[in-house]
């Protein structure tokens, strides 16, 4: 399955380390939300008005306790449909 075919509720994995670039409130800049291979759930997709050709993916990744963390916006290249 390709990233573009995902539906809300599908399982995804972090393809790279995903950290706060300063755009996530209530989290320290540089805080790592997901390491490569971390499992998450797709909540929604969207785009920025300024860049309608770039799809954004809203994902909750599992934390160390197996619970889902806060929603994080990711780009397609940051996600995988297969565990690494």
PDB file of N, CA and C in Angstrom:
ATOM      1  N   UNK A   1       0.848  -1.181   0.000  1.00  0.00           N
ATOM      2  CA  UNK A   1       0.000   0.000   0.000  1.00  0.00           C
ATOM      3  C   UNK A   1       0.890   1.239   0.000  1.00  0.00           C
ATOM      4  N   UNK A   2       0.489   2.241  -0.735  1.00  0.00           N
ATOM      5  CA  UNK A   2       1.225   3.493  -0.794  1.00  0.00           C
ATOM      6  C   UNK A   2       0.621   4.497   0.193  1.00  0.00           C
ATOM      7  N   UNK A   3       1.436   5.419   0.637  1.00  0.00           N
ATOM      8  CA  UNK A   3       0.986   6.447   1.589  1.00  0.00           C
ATOM      9  C   UNK A   3      -0.268   7.158   1.074  1.00  0.00           C
ATOM     10  N   UNK A   4      -0.310   7.454  -0.212  1.00  0.00           N
ATOM     11  CA  UNK A   4      -1.429   8.194  -0.796  1.00  0.00           C
ATOM     12  C   UNK A   4      -2.750   7.437  -0.720  1.00  0.00           C
ATOM     13  N   UNK A   5      -2.706   6.114  -0.504  1.00  0.00           N
ATOM     14  CA  UNK A   5      -3.909   5.283  -0.460  1.00  0.00           C
ATOM     15  C   UNK A   5      -4.456   5.105   0.957  1.00  0.00           C
ATOM     16  N   UNK A   6      -3.779   5.656   1.946  1.00  0.00           N
ATOM     17  CA  UNK A   6      -4.180   5.461   3.337  1.00  0.00           C
ATOM     18  C   UNK A   6      -5.526   6.101   3.644  1.00  0.00           C
ATOM     19  N   UNK A   7      -6.225   5.481   4.564  1.00  0.00           N
ATOM     20  CA  UNK A   7      -7.501   5.985   5.067  1.00  0.00           C
ATOM     21  C   UNK A   7      -7.349   6.313   6.555  1.00  0.00           C
ATOM     22  N   UNK A   8      -8.204   7.178   7.064  1.00  0.00           N
ATOM     23  CA  UNK A   8      -8.189   7.492   8.489  1.00  0.00           C
ATOM     24  C   UNK A   8      -8.313   6.200   9.287  1.00  0.00           C
ATOM     25  N   UNK A   9      -7.476   6.056  10.319  1.00  0.00           N
ATOM     26  CA  UNK A   9      -7.473   4.873  11.163  1.00  0.00           C
ATOM     27  C   UNK A   9      -6.440   3.834  10.761  1.00  0.00           C
ATOM     28  N   UNK A  10      -5.817   4.000   9.587  1.00  0.00           N
ATOM     29  CA  UNK A  10      -4.789   3.052   9.148  1.00  0.00           C
ATOM     30  C   UNK A  10      -3.516   3.194   9.969  1.00  0.00           C
ATOM     31  N   UNK A  11      -2.784   2.086  10.067  1.00  0.00           N
ATOM     32  CA  UNK A  11      -1.508   2.060  10.771  1.00  0.00           C
ATOM     33  C   UNK A  11      -0.416   2.586   9.847  1.00  0.00           C
ATOM     34  N   UNK A  12       0.445   3.442  10.390  1.00  0.00           N
ATOM     35  CA  UNK A  12       1.623   3.947   9.673  1.00  0.00           C
ATOM     36  C   UNK A  12       2.823   3.821  10.608  1.00  0.00           C
ATOM     37  N   UNK A  13       4.006   3.994  10.049  1.00  0.00           N
ATOM     38  CA  UNK A  13       5.242   3.936  10.826  1.00  0.00           C
ATOM     39  C   UNK A  13       6.097   5.144  10.488  1.00  0.00           C
ATOM     40  N   UNK A  14       6.831   5.622  11.455  1.00  0.00           N
ATOM     41  CA  UNK A  14       7.771   6.712  11.204  1.00  0.00           C
ATOM     42  C   UNK A  14       8.914   6.170  10.347  1.00  0.00           C
ATOM     43  N   UNK A  15       9.181   6.826   9.235  1.00  0.00           N
ATOM     44  CA  UNK A  15      10.282   6.424   8.359  1.00  0.00           C
ATOM     45  C   UNK A  15      11.587   7.075   8.798  1.00  0.00           C
ATOM     46  N   UNK A  16      11.471   8.180   9.510  1.00  0.00           N
ATOM     47  CA  UNK A  16      12.613   8.944  10.002  1.00  0.00           C
ATOM     48  C   UNK A  16      12.302   9.384  11.429  1.00  0.00           C
ATOM     49  N   UNK A  17      13.267   9.967  12.094  1.00  0.00           N
ATOM     50  CA  UNK A  17      13.015  10.551  13.402  1.00  0.00           C
ATOM     51  C   UNK A  17      12.169  11.811  13.220  1.00  0.00           C
ATOM     52  N   UNK A  18      11.050  11.899  13.939  1.00  0.00           N
ATOM     53  CA  UNK A  18      10.142  13.033  13.816  1.00  0.00           C
ATOM     54  C   UNK A  18      10.203  13.838  15.109  1.00  0.00           C
ATOM     55  N   UNK A  19      10.668  15.083  14.983  1.00  0.00           N
ATOM     56  CA  UNK A  19      10.867  15.940  16.158  1.00  0.00           C
ATOM     57  C   UNK A  19      10.112  17.251  15.979  1.00  0.00           C
ATOM     58  N   UNK A  20       9.869  17.920  17.090  1.00  0.00           N
ATOM     59  CA  UNK A  20       9.182  19.205  17.062  1.00  0.00           C
ATOM     60  C   UNK A  20      10.074  20.273  16.437  1.00  0.00           C
ATOM     61  N   UNK A  21       9.593  20.866  15.380  1.00  0.00           N
ATOM     62  CA  UNK A  21      10.316  21.954  14.720  1.00  0.00           C
ATOM     63  C   UNK A  21       9.910  23.311  15.284  1.00  0.00           C
ATOM     64  N   UNK A  22       9.177  23.267  16.391  1.00  0.00           N
ATOM     65  CA  UNK A  22       8.715  24.502  17.018  1.00  0.00           C
ATOM     66  C   UNK A  22       7.257  24.797  16.719  1.00  0.00           C
ATOM     67  N   UNK A  23       6.636  23.989  15.874  1.00  0.00           N
ATOM     68  CA  UNK A  23       5.252  24.253  15.478  1.00  0.00           C
ATOM     69  C   UNK A  23       4.218  23.530  16.342  1.00  0.00           C
ATOM     70  N   UNK A  24       4.663  22.676  17.266  1.00  0.00           N
ATOM     71  CA  UNK A  24       3.730  21.939  18.126  1.00  0.00           C
ATOM     72  C   UNK A  24       3.696  22.599  19.497  1.00  0.00           C
ATOM     73  N   UNK A  25       2.559  23.173  19.845  1.00  0.00           N
ATOM     74  CA  UNK A  25       2.462  23.804  21.166  1.00  0.00           C
ATOM     75  C   UNK A  25       2.535  22.758  22.275  1.00  0.00           C
ATOM     76  N   UNK A  26       2.900  23.177  23.449  1.00  0.00           N
ATOM     77  CA  UNK A  26       2.989  22.311  24.624  1.00  0.00           C
ATOM     78  C   UNK A  26       4.043  21.217  24.490  1.00  0.00           C
ATOM     79  N   UNK A  27       5.023  21.417  23.599  1.00  0.00           N
ATOM     80  CA  UNK A  27       6.141  20.480  23.464  1.00  0.00           C
ATOM     81  C   UNK A  27       7.403  21.307  23.240  1.00  0.00           C
ATOM     82  N   UNK A  28       8.505  20.828  23.790  1.00  0.00           N
ATOM     83  CA  UNK A  28       9.763  21.544  23.634  1.00  0.00           C
ATOM     84  C   UNK A  28      10.268  21.428  22.202  1.00  0.00           C
ATOM     85  N   UNK A  29      10.878  22.489  21.703  1.00  0.00           N
ATOM     86  CA  UNK A  29      11.465  22.435  20.374  1.00  0.00           C
ATOM     87  C   UNK A  29      12.567  21.377  20.367  1.00  0.00           C
ATOM     88  N   UNK A  30      12.553  20.521  19.360  1.00  0.00           N
ATOM     89  CA  UNK A  30      13.522  19.439  19.267  1.00  0.00           C
ATOM     90  C   UNK A  30      13.071  18.138  19.919  1.00  0.00           C
ATOM     91  N   UNK A  31      11.966  18.182  20.670  1.00  0.00           N
ATOM     92  CA  UNK A  31      11.453  16.968  21.308  1.00  0.00           C
ATOM     93  C   UNK A  31      11.135  15.931  20.235  1.00  0.00           C
ATOM     94  N   UNK A  32      11.598  14.701  20.431  1.00  0.00           N
ATOM     95  CA  UNK A  32      11.366  13.629  19.459  1.00  0.00           C
ATOM     96  C   UNK A  32      10.020  12.969  19.765  1.00  0.00           C
ATOM     97  N   UNK A  33       9.151  12.972  18.769  1.00  0.00           N
ATOM     98  CA  UNK A  33       7.833  12.359  18.901  1.00  0.00           C
ATOM     99  C   UNK A  33       7.839  10.902  18.469  1.00  0.00           C
ATOM    100  N   UNK A  34       8.676  10.574  17.485  1.00  0.00           N
ATOM    101  CA  UNK A  34       8.719   9.202  16.965  1.00  0.00           C
ATOM    102  C   UNK A  34      10.095   8.928  16.373  1.00  0.00           C
ATOM    103  N   UNK A  35      10.645   7.783  16.715  1.00  0.00           N
ATOM    104  CA  UNK A  35      11.892   7.310  16.114  1.00  0.00           C
ATOM    105  C   UNK A  35      11.519   6.436  14.919  1.00  0.00           C
ATOM    106  N   UNK A  36      12.470   6.199  14.017  1.00  0.00           N
ATOM    107  CA  UNK A  36      12.160   5.337  12.872  1.00  0.00           C
ATOM    108  C   UNK A  36      11.588   3.996  13.332  1.00  0.00           C
ATOM    109  N   UNK A  37      10.498   3.585  12.701  1.00  0.00           N
ATOM    110  CA  UNK A  37       9.846   2.323  13.043  1.00  0.00           C
ATOM    111  C   UNK A  37       8.735   2.438  14.060  1.00  0.00           C
ATOM    112  N   UNK A  38       8.561   3.613  14.677  1.00  0.00           N
ATOM    113  CA  UNK A  38       7.494   3.789  15.664  1.00  0.00           C
ATOM    114  C   UNK A  38       6.140   3.711  14.973  1.00  0.00           C
ATOM    115  N   UNK A  39       5.246   2.911  15.548  1.00  0.00           N
ATOM    116  CA  UNK A  39       3.915   2.731  14.976  1.00  0.00           C
ATOM    117  C   UNK A  39       3.001   3.880  15.362  1.00  0.00           C
ATOM    118  N   UNK A  40       2.135   4.264  14.432  1.00  0.00           N
ATOM    119  CA  UNK A  40       1.170   5.318  14.685  1.00  0.00           C
ATOM    120  C   UNK A  40      -0.133   5.048  13.957  1.00  0.00           C
ATOM    121  N   UNK A  41      -1.093   5.930  14.160  1.00  0.00           N
ATOM    122  CA  UNK A  41      -2.390   5.812  13.510  1.00  0.00           C
ATOM    123  C   UNK A  41      -2.699   7.109  12.776  1.00  0.00           C
ATOM    124  N   UNK A  42      -3.098   6.988  11.517  1.00  0.00           N
ATOM    125  CA  UNK A  42      -3.470   8.153  10.726  1.00  0.00           C
ATOM    126  C   UNK A  42      -4.828   8.664  11.183  1.00  0.00           C
ATOM    127  N   UNK A  43      -4.886   9.926  11.553  1.00  0.00           N
ATOM    128  CA  UNK A  43      -6.143  10.526  11.988  1.00  0.00           C
ATOM    129  C   UNK A  43      -6.853  11.248  10.858  1.00  0.00           C
ATOM    130  N   UNK A  44      -6.065  11.945  10.017  1.00  0.00           N
ATOM    131  CA  UNK A  44      -6.676  12.757   8.970  1.00  0.00           C
ATOM    132  C   UNK A  44      -5.612  13.192   7.982  1.00  0.00           C
ATOM    133  N   UNK A  45      -6.041  13.659   6.832  1.00  0.00           N
ATOM    134  CA  UNK A  45      -5.140  14.237   5.841  1.00  0.00           C
ATOM    135  C   UNK A  45      -5.648  15.616   5.466  1.00  0.00           C
ATOM    136  N   UNK A  46      -4.754  16.444   4.958  1.00  0.00           N
ATOM    137  CA  UNK A  46      -5.120  17.788   4.541  1.00  0.00           C
ATOM    138  C   UNK A  46      -3.967  18.416   3.791  1.00  0.00           C
ATOM    139  N   UNK A  47      -4.008  19.733   3.673  1.00  0.00           N
ATOM    140  CA  UNK A  47      -2.963  20.475   2.978  1.00  0.00           C
ATOM    141  C   UNK A  47      -2.997  21.926   3.430  1.00  0.00           C
ATOM    142  N   UNK A  48      -1.931  22.642   3.143  1.00  0.00           N
ATOM    143  CA  UNK A  48      -1.882  24.076   3.412  1.00  0.00           C
ATOM    144  C   UNK A  48      -2.450  24.810   2.209  1.00  0.00           C
ATOM    145  N   UNK A  49      -3.186  25.868   2.432  1.00  0.00           N
ATOM    146  CA  UNK A  49      -3.725  26.653   1.319  1.00  0.00           C
ATOM    147  C   UNK A  49      -2.619  27.116   0.381  1.00  0.00           C
ATOM    148  N   UNK A  50      -1.456  27.465   0.954  1.00  0.00           N
ATOM    149  CA  UNK A  50      -0.342  27.969   0.152  1.00  0.00           C
ATOM    150  C   UNK A  50       0.325  26.876  -0.670  1.00  0.00           C
ATOM    151  N   UNK A  51       0.139  25.614  -0.287  1.00  0.00           N
ATOM    152  CA  UNK A  51       0.766  24.484  -0.977  1.00  0.00           C
ATOM    153  C   UNK A  51      -0.245  23.351  -1.159  1.00  0.00           C
ATOM    154  N   UNK A  52      -1.260  23.534  -1.993  1.00  0.00           N
ATOM    155  CA  UNK A  52      -2.313  22.519  -2.121  1.00  0.00           C
ATOM    156  C   UNK A  52      -1.845  21.185  -2.712  1.00  0.00           C
ATOM    157  N   UNK A  53      -0.670  21.149  -3.318  1.00  0.00           N
ATOM    158  CA  UNK A  53      -0.157  19.895  -3.882  1.00  0.00           C
ATOM    159  C   UNK A  53       0.616  19.060  -2.858  1.00  0.00           C
ATOM    160  N   UNK A  54       0.818  19.602  -1.654  1.00  0.00           N
ATOM    161  CA  UNK A  54       1.547  18.886  -0.605  1.00  0.00           C
ATOM    162  C   UNK A  54       0.552  18.370   0.424  1.00  0.00           C
ATOM    163  N   UNK A  55       0.407  17.050   0.481  1.00  0.00           N
ATOM    164  CA  UNK A  55      -0.508  16.439   1.445  1.00  0.00           C
ATOM    165  C   UNK A  55       0.153  16.372   2.815  1.00  0.00           C
ATOM    166  N   UNK A  56      -0.606  16.735   3.828  1.00  0.00           N
ATOM    167  CA  UNK A  56      -0.163  16.642   5.221  1.00  0.00           C
ATOM    168  C   UNK A  56      -0.940  15.519   5.885  1.00  0.00           C
ATOM    169  N   UNK A  57      -0.267  14.790   6.765  1.00  0.00           N
ATOM    170  CA  UNK A  57      -0.866  13.648   7.445  1.00  0.00           C
ATOM    171  C   UNK A  57      -0.852  13.905   8.949  1.00  0.00           C
ATOM    172  N   UNK A  58      -2.012  13.841   9.569  1.00  0.00           N
ATOM    173  CA  UNK A  58      -2.121  14.016  11.013  1.00  0.00           C
ATOM    174  C   UNK A  58      -2.067  12.629  11.646  1.00  0.00           C
ATOM    175  N   UNK A  59      -1.021  12.385  12.444  1.00  0.00           N
ATOM    176  CA  UNK A  59      -0.737  11.056  12.976  1.00  0.00           C
ATOM    177  C   UNK A  59      -0.524  11.126  14.482  1.00  0.00           C
ATOM    178  N   UNK A  60      -1.026  10.124  15.195  1.00  0.00           N
ATOM    179  CA  UNK A  60      -0.694   9.921  16.604  1.00  0.00           C
ATOM    180  C   UNK A  60       0.237   8.720  16.662  1.00  0.00           C
ATOM    181  N   UNK A  61       1.422   8.900  17.231  1.00  0.00           N
ATOM    182  CA  UNK A  61       2.377   7.802  17.379  1.00  0.00           C
ATOM    183  C   UNK A  61       2.292   7.230  18.779  1.00  0.00           C
ATOM    184  N   UNK A  62       2.611   5.942  18.891  1.00  0.00           N
ATOM    185  CA  UNK A  62       2.631   5.300  20.201  1.00  0.00           C
ATOM    186  C   UNK A  62       3.799   5.830  21.023  1.00  0.00           C
ATOM    187  N   UNK A  63       3.558   5.989  22.318  1.00  0.00           N
ATOM    188  CA  UNK A  63       4.647   6.379  23.214  1.00  0.00           C
ATOM    189  C   UNK A  63       5.229   5.110  23.833  1.00  0.00           C
ATOM    190  N   UNK A  64       6.124   5.237  24.741  1.00  0.00           N
ATOM    191  CA  UNK A  64       6.783   4.085  25.355  1.00  0.00           C
ATOM    192  C   UNK A  64       5.861   3.163  26.122  1.00  0.00           C
ATOM    193  N   UNK A  65       4.691   3.638  26.516  1.00  0.00           N
ATOM    194  CA  UNK A  65       3.741   2.828  27.269  1.00  0.00           C
ATOM    195  C   UNK A  65       2.698   2.172  26.373  1.00  0.00           C
ATOM    196  N   UNK A  66       2.840   2.280  25.054  1.00  0.00           N
ATOM    197  CA  UNK A  66       1.882   1.691  24.127  1.00  0.00           C
ATOM    198  C   UNK A  66       0.628   2.521  23.918  1.00  0.00           C
ATOM    199  N   UNK A  67       0.602   3.711  24.483  1.00  0.00           N
ATOM    200  CA  UNK A  67      -0.534   4.615  24.299  1.00  0.00           C
ATOM    201  C   UNK A  67      -0.230   5.577  23.161  1.00  0.00           C
ATOM    202  N   UNK A  68      -1.279   6.134  22.565  1.00  0.00           N
ATOM    203  CA  UNK A  68      -1.083   7.104  21.495  1.00  0.00           C
ATOM    204  C   UNK A  68      -0.768   8.477  22.073  1.00  0.00           C
ATOM    205  N   UNK A  69       0.225   9.139  21.492  1.00  0.00           N
ATOM    206  CA  UNK A  69       0.602  10.482  21.912  1.00  0.00           C
ATOM    207  C   UNK A  69      -0.242  11.525  21.212  1.00  0.00           C
ATOM    208  N   UNK A  70       0.192  12.770  21.327  1.00  0.00           N
ATOM    209  CA  UNK A  70      -0.556  13.874  20.724  1.00  0.00           C
ATOM    210  C   UNK A  70      -0.465  13.827  19.198  1.00  0.00           C
ATOM    211  N   UNK A  71      -1.449  14.374  18.500  1.00  0.00           N
ATOM    212  CA  UNK A  71      -1.422  14.399  17.036  1.00  0.00           C
ATOM    213  C   UNK A  71      -0.265  15.248  16.519  1.00  0.00           C
ATOM    214  N   UNK A  72       0.420  14.720  15.509  1.00  0.00           N
ATOM    215  CA  UNK A  72       1.566  15.373  14.889  1.00  0.00           C
ATOM    216  C   UNK A  72       1.333  15.432  13.388  1.00  0.00           C
ATOM    217  N   UNK A  73       1.611  16.562  12.776  1.00  0.00           N
ATOM    218  CA  UNK A  73       1.495  16.690  11.329  1.00  0.00           C
ATOM    219  C   UNK A  73       2.787  16.231  10.674  1.00  0.00           C
ATOM    220  N   UNK A  74       2.650  15.344   9.687  1.00  0.00           N
ATOM    221  CA  UNK A  74       3.811  14.763   9.007  1.00  0.00           C
ATOM    222  C   UNK A  74       3.669  14.920   7.492  1.00  0.00           C
ATOM    223  N   UNK A  75       4.806  14.840   6.820  1.00  0.00           N
ATOM    224  CA  UNK A  75       4.850  14.808   5.365  1.00  0.00           C
ATOM    225  C   UNK A  75       4.935  13.350   4.923  1.00  0.00           C
ATOM    226  N   UNK A  76       4.571  13.069   3.683  1.00  0.00           N
ATOM    227  CA  UNK A  76       4.573  11.701   3.165  1.00  0.00           C
ATOM    228  C   UNK A  76       5.935  11.040   3.314  1.00  0.00           C
ATOM    229  N   UNK A  77       7.001  11.778   3.063  1.00  0.00           N
ATOM    230  CA  UNK A  77       8.342  11.180   3.126  1.00  0.00           C
ATOM    231  C   UNK A  77       8.777  10.830   4.548  1.00  0.00           C
ATOM    232  N   UNK A  78       8.022  11.271   5.555  1.00  0.00           N
ATOM    233  CA  UNK A  78       8.341  10.953   6.945  1.00  0.00           C
ATOM    234  C   UNK A  78       7.641   9.680   7.416  1.00  0.00           C
ATOM    235  N   UNK A  79       6.771   9.118   6.558  1.00  0.00           N
ATOM    236  CA  UNK A  79       5.960   7.972   6.937  1.00  0.00           C
ATOM    237  C   UNK A  79       6.191   6.774   6.040  1.00  0.00           C
ATOM    238  N   UNK A  80       5.864   5.597   6.581  1.00  0.00           N
ATOM    239  CA  UNK A  80       5.943   4.352   5.820  1.00  0.00           C
ATOM    240  C   UNK A  80       4.721   3.515   6.180  1.00  0.00           C
ATOM    241  N   UNK A  81       4.341   2.639   5.273  1.00  0.00           N
ATOM    242  CA  UNK A  81       3.244   1.724   5.566  1.00  0.00           C
ATOM    243  C   UNK A  81       3.758   0.387   6.083  1.00  0.00           C
ATOM    244  N   UNK A  82       5.088   0.237   6.151  1.00  0.00           N
ATOM    245  CA  UNK A  82       5.701  -0.997   6.626  1.00  0.00           C
ATOM    246  C   UNK A  82       6.661  -0.710   7.773  1.00  0.00           C
ATOM    247  N   UNK A  83       6.670  -1.614   8.746  1.00  0.00           N
ATOM    248  CA  UNK A  83       7.599  -1.471   9.879  1.00  0.00           C
ATOM    249  C   UNK A  83       9.027  -1.652   9.377  1.00  0.00           C
ATOM    250  N   UNK A  84       9.925  -0.880   9.934  1.00  0.00           N
ATOM    251  CA  UNK A  84      11.332  -1.015   9.510  1.00  0.00           C
ATOM    252  C   UNK A  84      12.079  -2.019  10.341  1.00  0.00           C
TER     253      UNK A  84
END
